[in-house]
C-alpha atoms as a PDB file:
ATOM      1  CA  MET A   1      10.113 -11.052   8.333  1.00  0.00           C
ATOM      2  CA  THR A   2      10.732  -8.733   5.428  1.00  0.00           C
ATOM      3  CA  GLU A   3       9.957  -5.115   5.259  1.00  0.00           C
ATOM      4  CA  ILE A   4       6.556  -4.530   3.363  1.00  0.00           C
ATOM      5  CA  ALA A   5       6.830  -2.301   0.322  1.00  0.00           C
ATOM      6  CA  GLU A   6       5.486   1.287   0.702  1.00  0.00           C
ATOM      7  CA  LEU A   7       3.457   3.291  -1.781  1.00  0.00           C
ATOM      8  CA  PRO A   8       4.296   7.073  -1.930  1.00  0.00           C
ATOM      9  CA  ALA A   9       2.421   9.398   0.416  1.00  0.00           C
ATOM     10  CA  PRO A  10      -0.938  10.291  -0.844  1.00  0.00           C
ATOM     11  CA  VAL A  11      -1.052  12.981  -3.449  1.00  0.00           C
ATOM     12  CA  VAL A  12      -4.266  14.501  -2.660  1.00  0.00           C
ATOM     13  CA  GLU A  13      -4.123  17.710  -0.542  1.00  0.00           C
ATOM     14  CA  VAL A  14      -4.731  17.235   3.108  1.00  0.00           C
ATOM     15  CA  THR A  15      -8.024  18.866   4.170  1.00  0.00           C
ATOM     16  CA  THR A  16     -10.503  17.275   6.363  1.00  0.00           C
ATOM     17  CA  GLU A  17     -11.023  14.726   9.105  1.00  0.00           C
ATOM     18  CA  LEU A  18     -11.822  11.187   8.582  1.00  0.00           C
ATOM     19  CA  THR A  19     -15.448  10.394   9.223  1.00  0.00           C
ATOM     20  CA  SER A  20     -17.699   7.470   9.552  1.00  0.00           C
ATOM     21  CA  ASP A  21     -19.490   8.389   6.243  1.00  0.00           C
ATOM     22  CA  SER A  22     -16.158   8.446   4.069  1.00  0.00           C
ATOM     23  CA  ILE A  23     -15.033   5.129   5.545  1.00  0.00           C
ATOM     24  CA  ALA A  24     -18.304   3.586   4.784  1.00  0.00           C
ATOM     25  CA  THR A  25     -18.319   4.627   1.190  1.00  0.00           C
ATOM     26  CA  THR A  26     -15.946   5.139  -1.789  1.00  0.00           C
ATOM     27  CA  ALA A  27     -13.362   7.323  -0.246  1.00  0.00           C
ATOM     28  CA  ARG A  28     -10.268   4.938  -0.613  1.00  0.00           C
ATOM     29  CA  GLY A  29      -7.239   6.433  -2.077  1.00  0.00           C
ATOM     30  CA  SER A  30      -5.878   8.562  -5.013  1.00  0.00           C
ATOM     31  CA  GLU A  31      -5.081   6.586  -8.229  1.00  0.00           C
ATOM     32  CA  VAL A  32      -6.259   3.841 -10.258  1.00  0.00           C
ATOM     33  CA  HIS A  33      -3.315   2.013 -11.956  1.00  0.00           C
ATOM     34  CA  SER A  34      -1.285  -1.209 -11.460  1.00  0.00           C
ATOM     35  CA  PRO A  35      -0.281  -1.279  -7.905  1.00  0.00           C
ATOM     36  CA  SER A  36       3.043  -2.758  -8.729  1.00  0.00           C
ATOM     37  CA  SER A  37       3.901   0.566 -10.702  1.00  0.00           C
ATOM     38  CA  ASN A  38       3.569   2.441  -7.422  1.00  0.00           C
ATOM     39  CA  ARG A  39       5.499   0.185  -5.049  1.00  0.00           C
ATOM     40  CA  THR A  40       8.743   1.463  -3.550  1.00  0.00           C
ATOM     41  CA  THR A  41      11.225   0.190  -1.002  1.00  0.00           C
ATOM     42  CA  SER A  42      11.583   3.801   0.457  1.00  0.00           C
ATOM     43  CA  THR A  43       9.892   4.605   3.883  1.00  0.00           C
ATOM     44  CA  PRO A  44       8.010   7.960   3.697  1.00  0.00           C
ATOM     45  CA  ALA A  45       9.199  10.482   6.278  1.00  0.00           C
ATOM     46  CA  SER A  46       5.805  10.315   7.992  1.00  0.00           C
ATOM     47  CA  GLU A  47       6.253   6.685   8.867  1.00  0.00           C
ATOM     48  CA  LEU A  48       9.437   7.435  10.540  1.00  0.00           C
ATOM     49  CA  SER A  49       8.842  10.490  12.204  1.00  0.00           C
ATOM     50  CA  SER A  50       5.849  10.637  14.687  1.00  0.00           C
ATOM     51  CA  ILE A  51       6.385  14.357  15.235  1.00  0.00           C
ATOM     52  CA  GLU A  52       6.019  15.300  11.623  1.00  0.00           C
ATOM     53  CA  ALA A  53       3.337  12.809  11.053  1.00  0.00           C
ATOM     54  CA  LEU A  54       1.083  14.398  13.741  1.00  0.00           C
ATOM     55  CA  LYS A  55       1.516  17.825  12.463  1.00  0.00           C
ATOM     56  CA  GLY A  56      -1.861  18.821  10.655  1.00  0.00           C
ATOM     57  CA  PHE A  57      -2.839  15.191  10.347  1.00  0.00           C
ATOM     58  CA  LYS A  58      -5.947  14.948   8.042  1.00  0.00           C
ATOM     59  CA  ALA A  59      -7.622  12.359   5.886  1.00  0.00           C
ATOM     60  CA  ALA A  60      -7.680  14.184   2.576  1.00  0.00           C
ATOM     61  CA  ASN A  61     -11.138  15.113   1.185  1.00  0.00           C
ATOM     62  CA  LEU A  62     -12.919  12.393   3.459  1.00  0.00           C
ATOM     63  CA  GLY A  63     -15.261  14.829   5.105  1.00  0.00           C
ATOM     64  CA  VAL A  64     -18.273  13.944   2.825  1.00  0.00           C
ATOM     65  CA  SER A  65     -21.697  12.568   3.613  1.00  0.00           C
ATOM     66  CA  LYS A  66     -22.731   9.071   2.570  1.00  0.00           C
ATOM     67  CA  GLU A  67     -25.113  10.585   0.065  1.00  0.00           C
ATOM     68  CA  ASN A  68     -22.549  12.693  -1.720  1.00  0.00           C
ATOM     69  CA  ALA A  69     -19.999   9.759  -1.573  1.00  0.00           C
ATOM     70  CA  ARG A  70     -22.592   7.385  -3.207  1.00  0.00           C
ATOM     71  CA  ALA A  71     -23.542  10.008  -5.805  1.00  0.00           C
ATOM     72  CA  LYS A  72     -19.664  10.129  -6.753  1.00  0.00           C
ATOM     73  CA  ALA A  73     -19.709   6.300  -6.958  1.00  0.00           C
ATOM     74  CA  ALA A  74     -22.488   6.320  -9.368  1.00  0.00           C
ATOM     75  CA  THR A  75     -20.390   8.636 -11.668  1.00  0.00           C
ATOM     76  CA  LEU A  76     -17.398   6.105 -11.600  1.00  0.00           C
ATOM     77  CA  SER A  77     -17.014   3.626 -14.375  1.00  0.00           C
ATOM     78  CA  LEU A  78     -17.289  -0.062 -13.931  1.00  0.00           C
ATOM     79  CA  VAL A  79     -13.473  -0.405 -13.938  1.00  0.00           C
ATOM     80  CA  GLU A  80     -13.090   2.526 -11.489  1.00  0.00           C
ATOM     81  CA  GLN A  81     -15.818   1.081  -9.114  1.00  0.00           C
ATOM     82  CA  VAL A  82     -14.268  -2.628  -9.137  1.00  0.00           C
ATOM     83  CA  SER A  83     -10.723  -0.843  -8.421  1.00  0.00           C
ATOM     84  CA  LEU A  84     -12.104   0.245  -5.093  1.00  0.00           C
ATOM     85  CA  LEU A  85     -12.776  -3.230  -4.063  1.00  0.00           C
ATOM     86  CA  ARG A  86      -9.384  -4.509  -3.512  1.00  0.00           C
ATOM     87  CA  ALA A  87      -6.293  -2.774  -1.855  1.00  0.00           C
ATOM     88  CA  ALA A  88      -3.400  -1.270  -3.722  1.00  0.00           C
ATOM     89  CA  ASP A  89      -0.849  -3.011  -1.664  1.00  0.00           C
ATOM     90  CA  HIS A  90      -0.430  -4.488   1.608  1.00  0.00           C
ATOM     91  CA  TRP A  91      -1.864  -1.743   3.557  1.00  0.00           C
ATOM     92  CA  ARG A  92      -3.410   1.016   1.496  1.00  0.00           C
ATOM     93  CA  THR A  93      -6.410   1.234  -0.525  1.00  0.00           C
ATOM     94  CA  VAL A  94      -6.717   2.183  -4.282  1.00  0.00           C
ATOM     95  CA  ALA A  95      -7.151   5.918  -5.202  1.00  0.00           C
ATOM     96  CA  ILE A  96      -8.513   7.862  -7.969  1.00  0.00           C
ATOM     97  CA  PRO A  97      -7.081  11.435  -7.788  1.00  0.00           C
ATOM     98  CA  ASN A  98      -8.878  12.878 -10.809  1.00  0.00           C
ATOM     99  CA  LYS A  99     -12.081  11.929  -9.003  1.00  0.00           C
ATOM    100  CA  GLY A 100     -10.836  13.400  -5.789  1.00  0.00           C
ATOM    101  CA  ILE A 101     -10.774  10.070  -4.070  1.00  0.00           C
ATOM    102  CA  PRO A 102      -7.818   9.534  -1.786  1.00  0.00           C
ATOM    103  CA  ASN A 103      -6.352   6.330  -0.519  1.00  0.00           C
ATOM    104  CA  ILE A 104      -6.844   5.157   3.123  1.00  0.00           C
ATOM    105  CA  LYS A 105      -4.116   3.458   4.987  1.00  0.00           C
ATOM    106  CA  THR A 106      -4.621   0.772   7.598  1.00  0.00           C
ATOM    107  CA  SER A 107      -2.240  -0.170  10.540  1.00  0.00           C
ATOM    108  CA  ASP A 108      -2.257  -3.062  12.880  1.00  0.00           C
ATOM    109  CA  GLY A 109      -3.104  -3.496  15.792  1.00  0.00           C
ATOM    110  CA  PRO A 110      -5.185  -3.786  19.052  1.00  0.00           C
ATOM    111  CA  ASN A 111      -2.269  -3.261  21.416  1.00  0.00           C
ATOM    112  CA  GLY A 112      -0.332  -0.657  19.634  1.00  0.00           C
ATOM    113  CA  ALA A 113      -0.261   1.077  16.178  1.00  0.00           C
ATOM    114  CA  ARG A 114       2.759  -0.524  14.429  1.00  0.00           C
ATOM    115  CA  GLY A 115       2.535   1.314  11.119  1.00  0.00           C
ATOM    116  CA  ALA A 116       3.150  -0.202   7.726  1.00  0.00           C
ATOM    117  CA  VAL A 117       6.989  -1.192   8.117  1.00  0.00           C
ATOM    118  CA  PHE A 118       8.323  -3.958  10.136  1.00  0.00           C
ATOM    119  CA  LYS A 119      11.857  -2.774  10.442  1.00  0.00           C
ATOM    120  CA  ALA A 120      13.193   0.757  10.872  1.00  0.00           C
ATOM    121  CA  GLY A 121       9.923   2.476  11.737  1.00  0.00           C
ATOM    122  CA  THR A 122       9.413   4.377  14.913  1.00  0.00           C
ATOM    123  CA  ARG A 123       8.682   2.139  17.903  1.00  0.00           C
ATOM    124  CA  ALA A 124       5.101   1.821  18.898  1.00  0.00           C
ATOM    125  CA  ALA A 125       3.788   2.258  22.399  1.00  0.00           C
ATOM    126  CA  LEU A 126       2.698  -1.015  23.879  1.00  0.00           C
ATOM    127  CA  PHE A 127      -0.449  -1.158  25.755  1.00  0.00           C
ATOM    128  CA  PRO A 128      -1.597  -4.124  27.745  1.00  0.00           C
ATOM    129  CA  CYS A 129      -3.209  -6.832  25.807  1.00  0.00           C
ATOM    130  CA  GLY A 130      -6.906  -7.365  25.619  1.00  0.00           C
ATOM    131  CA  VAL A 131      -7.311  -9.990  28.386  1.00  0.00           C
ATOM    132  CA  SER A 132      -5.504  -7.862  30.772  1.00  0.00           C
ATOM    133  CA  LEU A 133      -7.471  -4.607  29.980  1.00  0.00           C
ATOM    134  CA  ALA A 134     -10.703  -6.795  30.392  1.00  0.00           C
ATOM    135  CA  ALA A 135      -9.551  -7.649  33.832  1.00  0.00           C
ATOM    136  CA  THR A 136     -10.085  -4.123  34.872  1.00  0.00           C
ATOM    137  CA  TRP A 137     -13.691  -4.207  34.131  1.00  0.00           C
ATOM    138  CA  ASP A 138     -13.266  -0.441  33.338  1.00  0.00           C
ATOM    139  CA  THR A 139     -15.065   1.063  30.395  1.00  0.00           C
ATOM    140  CA  LYS A 140     -13.483   4.571  31.217  1.00  0.00           C
ATOM    141  CA  LEU A 141      -9.911   3.197  30.853  1.00  0.00           C
ATOM    142  CA  LEU A 142     -10.917   1.303  27.654  1.00  0.00           C
ATOM    143  CA  TYR A 143     -12.043   4.683  26.178  1.00  0.00           C
ATOM    144  CA  GLU A 144      -8.708   6.377  27.296  1.00  0.00           C
ATOM    145  CA  VAL A 145      -6.820   3.421  25.558  1.00  0.00           C
ATOM    146  CA  GLY A 146      -8.669   3.951  22.368  1.00  0.00           C
ATOM    147  CA  GLN A 147      -7.881   7.638  22.403  1.00  0.00           C
ATOM    148  CA  HIS A 148      -4.217   6.980  22.930  1.00  0.00           C
ATOM    149  CA  LEU A 149      -4.276   4.583  20.207  1.00  0.00           C
ATOM    150  CA  GLY A 150      -5.840   7.053  17.739  1.00  0.00           C
ATOM    151  CA  GLU A 151      -2.868   9.483  18.411  1.00  0.00           C
ATOM    152  CA  GLU A 152      -0.447   6.539  17.803  1.00  0.00           C
ATOM    153  CA  THR A 153      -2.272   5.622  14.541  1.00  0.00           C
ATOM    154  CA  LYS A 154      -1.895   9.256  13.316  1.00  0.00           C
ATOM    155  CA  ALA A 155       1.779   9.080  14.152  1.00  0.00           C
ATOM    156  CA  ARG A 156       1.909   6.427  11.583  1.00  0.00           C
ATOM    157  CA  SER A 157       0.044   8.349   8.969  1.00  0.00           C
ATOM    158  CA  ALA A 158      -2.711   5.803   9.059  1.00  0.00           C
ATOM    159  CA  HIS A 159      -6.453   6.206   9.012  1.00  0.00           C
ATOM    160  CA  VAL A 160      -7.695   2.789  10.123  1.00  0.00           C
ATOM    161  CA  LEU A 161      -6.511   0.828  13.123  1.00  0.00           C
ATOM    162  CA  LEU A 162      -7.143  -2.990  12.818  1.00  0.00           C
ATOM    163  CA  ALA A 163      -8.523  -3.307  16.203  1.00  0.00           C
ATOM    164  CA  PRO A 164     -10.268  -4.274  18.500  1.00  0.00           C
ATOM    165  CA  THR A 165     -10.514  -8.233  18.467  1.00  0.00           C
ATOM    166  CA  VAL A 166     -13.740  -9.479  20.031  1.00  0.00           C
ATOM    167  CA  CYS A 167     -13.514 -13.190  19.499  1.00  0.00           C
ATOM    168  CA  LEU A 168     -14.442 -15.009  22.745  1.00  0.00           C
ATOM    169  CA  HIS A 169     -12.465 -17.007  24.859  1.00  0.00           C
ATOM    170  CA  ARG A 170     -13.979 -20.490  24.324  1.00  0.00           C
ATOM    171  CA  GLY A 171     -10.955 -22.709  25.313  1.00  0.00           C
ATOM    172  CA  PRO A 172      -7.624 -22.045  27.210  1.00  0.00           C
ATOM    173  CA  LEU A 173      -5.586 -23.176  23.918  1.00  0.00           C
ATOM    174  CA  GLY A 174      -7.027 -20.307  21.841  1.00  0.00           C
ATOM    175  CA  GLY A 175      -3.869 -18.810  20.139  1.00  0.00           C
ATOM    176  CA  ARG A 176      -5.193 -15.270  20.444  1.00  0.00           C
ATOM    177  CA  ASN A 177      -7.022 -15.298  23.485  1.00  0.00           C
ATOM    178  CA  PHE A 178      -4.554 -12.776  24.910  1.00  0.00           C
ATOM    179  CA  GLU A 179      -5.511 -10.274  22.142  1.00  0.00           C
ATOM    180  CA  SER A 180      -9.261 -10.281  22.898  1.00  0.00           C
ATOM    181  CA  PHE A 181     -11.021  -9.579  25.884  1.00  0.00           C
ATOM    182  CA  SER A 182     -12.933 -12.413  27.578  1.00  0.00           C
ATOM    183  CA  GLU A 183     -15.188 -15.380  27.510  1.00  0.00           C
ATOM    184  CA  ASP A 184     -18.105 -13.171  28.300  1.00  0.00           C
ATOM    185  CA  PRO A 185     -19.948 -11.626  25.315  1.00  0.00           C
ATOM    186  CA  LEU A 186     -21.560  -8.851  27.388  1.00  0.00           C
ATOM    187  CA  LEU A 187     -18.293  -7.504  29.005  1.00  0.00           C
ATOM    188  CA  THR A 188     -16.430  -8.083  25.568  1.00  0.00           C
ATOM    189  CA  GLY A 189     -19.038  -6.063  23.840  1.00  0.00           C
ATOM    190  CA  LYS A 190     -18.938  -3.244  26.408  1.00  0.00           C
ATOM    191  CA  LEU A 191     -15.195  -2.927  26.581  1.00  0.00           C
ATOM    192  CA  ALA A 192     -15.037  -2.911  22.737  1.00  0.00           C
ATOM    193  CA  ALA A 193     -17.659  -0.262  22.458  1.00  0.00           C
ATOM    194  CA  SER A 194     -15.702   1.999  24.805  1.00  0.00           C
ATOM    195  CA  TYR A 195     -12.402   1.245  23.071  1.00  0.00           C
ATOM    196  CA  ILE A 196     -13.725   2.096  19.615  1.00  0.00           C
ATOM    197  CA  ASN A 197     -15.651   5.338  20.920  1.00  0.00           C
ATOM    198  CA  GLY A 198     -12.394   6.496  22.221  1.00  0.00           C
ATOM    199  CA  LEU A 199     -10.450   5.621  19.015  1.00  0.00           C
ATOM    200  CA  GLN A 200     -12.784   7.320  16.463  1.00  0.00           C
ATOM    201  CA  GLN A 201     -13.340  10.108  18.644  1.00  0.00           C
ATOM    202  CA  LYS A 202      -9.779  11.007  17.428  1.00  0.00           C
ATOM    203  CA  GLY A 203     -10.922  10.553  13.885  1.00  0.00           C
ATOM    204  CA  ILE A 204      -9.407   6.986  13.436  1.00  0.00           C
ATOM    205  CA  ALA A 205     -11.534   4.407  12.174  1.00  0.00           C
ATOM    206  CA  ALA A 206     -12.005   1.226  14.237  1.00  0.00           C
ATOM    207  CA  THR A 207     -12.046  -2.226  12.834  1.00  0.00           C
ATOM    208  CA  ILE A 208     -13.907  -4.722  14.904  1.00  0.00           C
ATOM    209  CA  LYS A 209     -12.760  -8.263  14.114  1.00  0.00           C
ATOM    210  CA  HIS A 210     -12.956 -11.087  13.284  1.00  0.00           C
ATOM    211  CA  PHE A 211     -16.584 -11.496  12.179  1.00  0.00           C
ATOM    212  CA  VAL A 212     -17.684 -14.176  13.323  1.00  0.00           C
ATOM    213  CA  ALA A 213     -17.197 -17.473  15.180  1.00  0.00           C
ATOM    214  CA  ASN A 214     -13.387 -17.394  14.712  1.00  0.00           C
ATOM    215  CA  GLU A 215     -12.285 -18.460  18.197  1.00  0.00           C
ATOM    216  CA  GLN A 216      -9.446 -20.739  17.417  1.00  0.00           C
ATOM    217  CA  GLU A 217      -6.321 -20.437  15.207  1.00  0.00           C
ATOM    218  CA  THR A 218      -5.715 -24.080  14.392  1.00  0.00           C
ATOM    219  CA  GLU A 219      -6.666 -24.580  10.879  1.00  0.00           C
ATOM    220  CA  ARG A 220      -8.346 -21.256  10.819  1.00  0.00           C
ATOM    221  CA  LEU A 221      -8.309 -20.833   7.113  1.00  0.00           C
ATOM    222  CA  THR A 222     -10.444 -24.122   6.503  1.00  0.00           C
ATOM    223  CA  MET A 223     -12.138 -24.493   9.995  1.00  0.00           C
ATOM    224  CA  ASP A 224     -15.999 -24.762   9.650  1.00  0.00           C
ATOM    225  CA  SER A 225     -17.621 -23.420  12.763  1.00  0.00           C
ATOM    226  CA  GLU A 226     -20.812 -25.493  12.973  1.00  0.00           C
ATOM    227  CA  LEU A 227     -23.335 -23.899  15.384  1.00  0.00           C
ATOM    228  CA  SER A 228     -26.852 -23.392  16.018  1.00  0.00           C
ATOM    229  CA  GLU A 229     -28.729 -20.222  15.436  1.00  0.00           C
ATOM    230  CA  ARG A 230     -29.107 -19.704  19.351  1.00  0.00           C
ATOM    231  CA  ALA A 231     -25.498 -20.099  19.937  1.00  0.00           C
ATOM    232  CA  LEU A 232     -24.611 -18.008  17.003  1.00  0.00           C
ATOM    233  CA  ARG A 233     -26.733 -15.010  18.236  1.00  0.00           C
ATOM    234  CA  GLU A 234     -26.341 -15.348  22.050  1.00  0.00           C
ATOM    235  CA  LEU A 235     -22.524 -15.872  22.274  1.00  0.00           C
ATOM    236  CA  TYR A 236     -20.649 -15.281  18.980  1.00  0.00           C
ATOM    237  CA  LEU A 237     -22.640 -12.235  17.488  1.00  0.00           C
ATOM    238  CA  ARG A 238     -23.360 -10.645  20.805  1.00  0.00           C
ATOM    239  CA  PRO A 239     -20.143  -8.640  21.273  1.00  0.00           C
ATOM    240  CA  PHE A 240     -20.293  -7.477  17.813  1.00  0.00           C
ATOM    241  CA  GLU A 241     -23.790  -6.523  18.114  1.00  0.00           C
ATOM    242  CA  ILE A 242     -23.263  -4.640  21.374  1.00  0.00           C
ATOM    243  CA  ALA A 243     -20.392  -2.667  19.777  1.00  0.00           C
ATOM    244  CA  VAL A 244     -22.205  -1.949  16.477  1.00  0.00           C
ATOM    245  CA  ARG A 245     -25.224  -0.350  18.442  1.00  0.00           C
ATOM    246  CA  GLU A 246     -23.212   1.437  21.027  1.00  0.00           C
ATOM    247  CA  SER A 247     -20.127   2.599  19.074  1.00  0.00           C
ATOM    248  CA  ASN A 248     -20.959   2.119  15.371  1.00  0.00           C
ATOM    249  CA  PRO A 249     -17.298   0.939  14.262  1.00  0.00           C
ATOM    250  CA  TRP A 250     -16.467   2.516  10.788  1.00  0.00           C
ATOM    251  CA  ALA A 251     -15.022  -0.903   9.743  1.00  0.00           C
ATOM    252  CA  VAL A 252     -15.700  -4.594  10.309  1.00  0.00           C
ATOM    253  CA  MET A 253     -13.227  -7.435   9.423  1.00  0.00           C
ATOM    254  CA  SER A 254     -14.596 -10.811   8.031  1.00  0.00           C
ATOM    255  CA  SER A 255     -12.921 -13.813   9.375  1.00  0.00           C
ATOM    256  CA  TYR A 256     -11.155 -16.649   7.646  1.00  0.00           C
ATOM    257  CA  ASN A 257     -13.286 -19.495   8.955  1.00  0.00           C
ATOM    258  CA  LEU A 258     -16.562 -21.045   7.461  1.00  0.00           C
ATOM    259  CA  ILE A 259     -19.804 -20.621   9.296  1.00  0.00           C
ATOM    260  CA  ASN A 260     -22.166 -23.579   8.841  1.00  0.00           C
ATOM    261  CA  GLY A 261     -20.439 -24.416   5.595  1.00  0.00           C
ATOM    262  CA  VAL A 262     -20.031 -20.963   4.030  1.00  0.00           C
ATOM    263  CA  HIS A 263     -16.954 -18.669   4.303  1.00  0.00           C
ATOM    264  CA  ALA A 264     -17.374 -15.669   6.464  1.00  0.00           C
ATOM    265  CA  ASP A 265     -16.561 -13.184   3.578  1.00  0.00           C
ATOM    266  CA  MET A 266     -19.457 -14.622   1.501  1.00  0.00           C
ATOM    267  CA  ASN A 267     -21.948 -15.241   4.043  1.00  0.00           C
ATOM    268  CA  THR A 268     -25.181 -13.851   3.385  1.00  0.00           C
ATOM    269  CA  HIS A 269     -26.784 -14.716   6.703  1.00  0.00           C
ATOM    270  CA  THR A 270     -24.293 -13.093   8.843  1.00  0.00           C
ATOM    271  CA  LEU A 271     -23.167 -10.196   6.826  1.00  0.00           C
ATOM    272  CA  LYS A 272     -26.332  -9.361   4.860  1.00  0.00           C
ATOM    273  CA  ASP A 273     -29.204 -10.650   6.673  1.00  0.00           C
ATOM    274  CA  ILE A 274     -27.826  -9.874  10.401  1.00  0.00           C
ATOM    275  CA  LEU A 275     -25.128  -7.210  10.163  1.00  0.00           C
ATOM    276  CA  ARG A 276     -26.628  -5.104   7.302  1.00  0.00           C
ATOM    277  CA  GLY A 277     -30.083  -6.036   7.550  1.00  0.00           C
ATOM    278  CA  GLU A 278     -31.157  -6.557  11.487  1.00  0.00           C
ATOM    279  CA  TRP A 279     -28.381  -4.162  12.749  1.00  0.00           C
ATOM    280  CA  LYS A 280     -28.474  -1.504  10.050  1.00  0.00           C
ATOM    281  CA  TYR A 281     -24.830  -1.308   9.738  1.00  0.00           C
ATOM    282  CA  ASP A 282     -23.835   0.877   7.007  1.00  0.00           C
ATOM    283  CA  GLY A 283     -19.855   0.914   7.324  1.00  0.00           C
ATOM    284  CA  LEU A 284     -17.123  -0.836   5.602  1.00  0.00           C
ATOM    285  CA  VAL A 285     -16.620  -4.634   5.625  1.00  0.00           C
ATOM    286  CA  MET A 286     -13.066  -5.702   4.689  1.00  0.00           C
ATOM    287  CA  SER A 287     -11.697  -9.200   4.502  1.00  0.00           C
ATOM    288  CA  ASP A 288      -9.049 -10.431   6.811  1.00  0.00           C
ATOM    289  CA  TRP A 289      -5.643 -10.830   4.882  1.00  0.00           C
ATOM    290  CA  THR A 290      -5.946 -12.934   1.895  1.00  0.00           C
ATOM    291  CA  GLY A 291      -9.496 -13.889   3.287  1.00  0.00           C
ATOM    292  CA  VAL A 292     -11.734 -13.600   0.293  1.00  0.00           C
ATOM    293  CA  ASN A 293     -12.954 -16.812  -1.346  1.00  0.00           C
ATOM    294  CA  SER A 294     -15.031 -16.168  -4.319  1.00  0.00           C
ATOM    295  CA  VAL A 295     -15.401 -13.287  -6.966  1.00  0.00           C
ATOM    296  CA  ALA A 296     -19.248 -12.475  -7.165  1.00  0.00           C
ATOM    297  CA  GLU A 297     -20.571 -14.412  -3.801  1.00  0.00           C
ATOM    298  CA  SER A 298     -18.465 -12.174  -1.632  1.00  0.00           C
ATOM    299  CA  ILE A 299     -19.284  -8.755  -3.113  1.00  0.00           C
ATOM    300  CA  GLU A 300     -23.012  -9.807  -3.232  1.00  0.00           C
ATOM    301  CA  ALA A 301     -22.822 -10.911   0.566  1.00  0.00           C
ATOM    302  CA  GLY A 302     -21.523  -7.479   1.327  1.00  0.00           C
ATOM    303  CA  CYS A 303     -17.631  -7.976   1.801  1.00  0.00           C
ATOM    304  CA  ASP A 304     -16.925  -4.449   0.330  1.00  0.00           C
ATOM    305  CA  LEU A 305     -12.939  -4.455   0.362  1.00  0.00           C
ATOM    306  CA  GLU A 306     -10.550  -7.161  -0.324  1.00  0.00           C
ATOM    307  CA  MET A 307      -7.152  -7.054   1.754  1.00  0.00           C
ATOM    308  CA  PRO A 308      -4.246  -6.883   0.693  1.00  0.00           C
ATOM    309  CA  TYR A 309      -3.652  -6.499  -3.173  1.00  0.00           C
ATOM    310  CA  SER A 310      -4.396  -9.655  -4.958  1.00  0.00           C
ATOM    311  CA  ASP A 311      -5.206 -10.903  -8.487  1.00  0.00           C
ATOM    312  CA  ASN A 312      -6.888 -13.762  -7.359  1.00  0.00           C
ATOM    313  CA  TRP A 313     -10.715 -12.594  -7.032  1.00  0.00           C
ATOM    314  CA  ARG A 314     -11.391  -9.028  -7.933  1.00  0.00           C
ATOM    315  CA  GLY A 315     -10.058  -6.485 -10.463  1.00  0.00           C
ATOM    316  CA  GLU A 316     -10.534  -7.941 -14.178  1.00  0.00           C
ATOM    317  CA  LYS A 317     -12.360 -11.006 -12.799  1.00  0.00           C
ATOM    318  CA  ALA A 318     -15.041  -8.920 -11.074  1.00  0.00           C
ATOM    319  CA  VAL A 319     -15.404  -6.781 -14.261  1.00  0.00           C
ATOM    320  CA  GLN A 320     -15.916  -9.969 -16.277  1.00  0.00           C
ATOM    321  CA  ALA A 321     -18.356 -11.459 -13.847  1.00  0.00           C
ATOM    322  CA  VAL A 322     -20.527  -8.115 -14.236  1.00  0.00           C
ATOM    323  CA  LYS A 323     -20.447  -8.668 -18.008  1.00  0.00           C
ATOM    324  CA  ASP A 324     -21.314 -12.101 -17.773  1.00  0.00           C
ATOM    325  CA  GLY A 325     -24.135 -11.422 -15.687  1.00  0.00           C
ATOM    326  CA  LYS A 326     -22.816 -13.332 -12.593  1.00  0.00           C
ATOM    327  CA  LEU A 327     -22.363 -10.251 -10.428  1.00  0.00           C
ATOM    328  CA  SER A 328     -24.601  -7.187 -10.307  1.00  0.00           C
ATOM    329  CA  GLN A 329     -23.166  -3.888 -10.901  1.00  0.00           C
ATOM    330  CA  ASP A 330     -25.546  -2.520  -8.197  1.00  0.00           C
ATOM    331  CA  ALA A 331     -23.620  -4.522  -5.711  1.00  0.00           C
ATOM    332  CA  VAL A 332     -20.312  -3.451  -6.938  1.00  0.00           C
ATOM    333  CA  GLU A 333     -21.460   0.349  -6.782  1.00  0.00           C
ATOM    334  CA  LYS A 334     -22.650  -0.438  -3.186  1.00  0.00           C
ATOM    335  CA  ALA A 335     -19.243  -1.964  -2.243  1.00  0.00           C
ATOM    336  CA  ALA A 336     -17.535   0.966  -3.802  1.00  0.00           C
END
């Protein structure tokens, strides 16, 4: 596997801790421009040196309230707002330095913070996989694991850990069963909530995934999970609901699959009606990597951020969709 190109370190002065308010709204990077112009093959020193990365770790200018962030979003142009709806590269969000909006860096994964490079980076501490942690039935232990992963994530100069995975074990051949916790929605939700609370206590955003009904890897990009409303709510949604209510993860990742014929990233029933509506979730929803499947529908349903950088759906196409009346600017502003 080849090394992922790195953007230079954020240019905004580092001042405040990452908060749920800032993750949930517009604070996503430090410049609007063509992402290709920023790519470099060099690896920032902070990616290679965990000691240096931990010194004074902050998340530049992110300690703002939701109200202030939304007020700032309202001052941005349509092009600037749309620029915040897709990534700048493989791991980072776009930034607008002249508006005081820094970038945010993500990192895999549930059992160790790898950072943004696949080669030559510092080695990650490896924690037991999810199914092993679940076998302890120990919520205090999961909280401690979350705290340690928070420190590991800081050592990679990242602000968001792409974890935990809470998809249920619905069959022994599930390709990522090891990564998630168990077949039981109650146990899974309780353990995930403790993990998330520990992680976010360290100022690192959790990303609970994959939302929702993504319980197999075979044909995961095209699979349609056909299920009743009762099964959806009592099994597949329940771990997410418990975690949202008990730990308020600062980010949610939508899944690749379809749910009753509609892709997860544009599913208004699960994203808008249930997650945003019934559960009152007000954090960030990001796509799985290359997991966006529309221009307007995805944004209107509540998928705020397309990961990683792509020309397929957002950018100029989203701007044009607003001008053509196919996408509301209000939805764009909310997502930004």
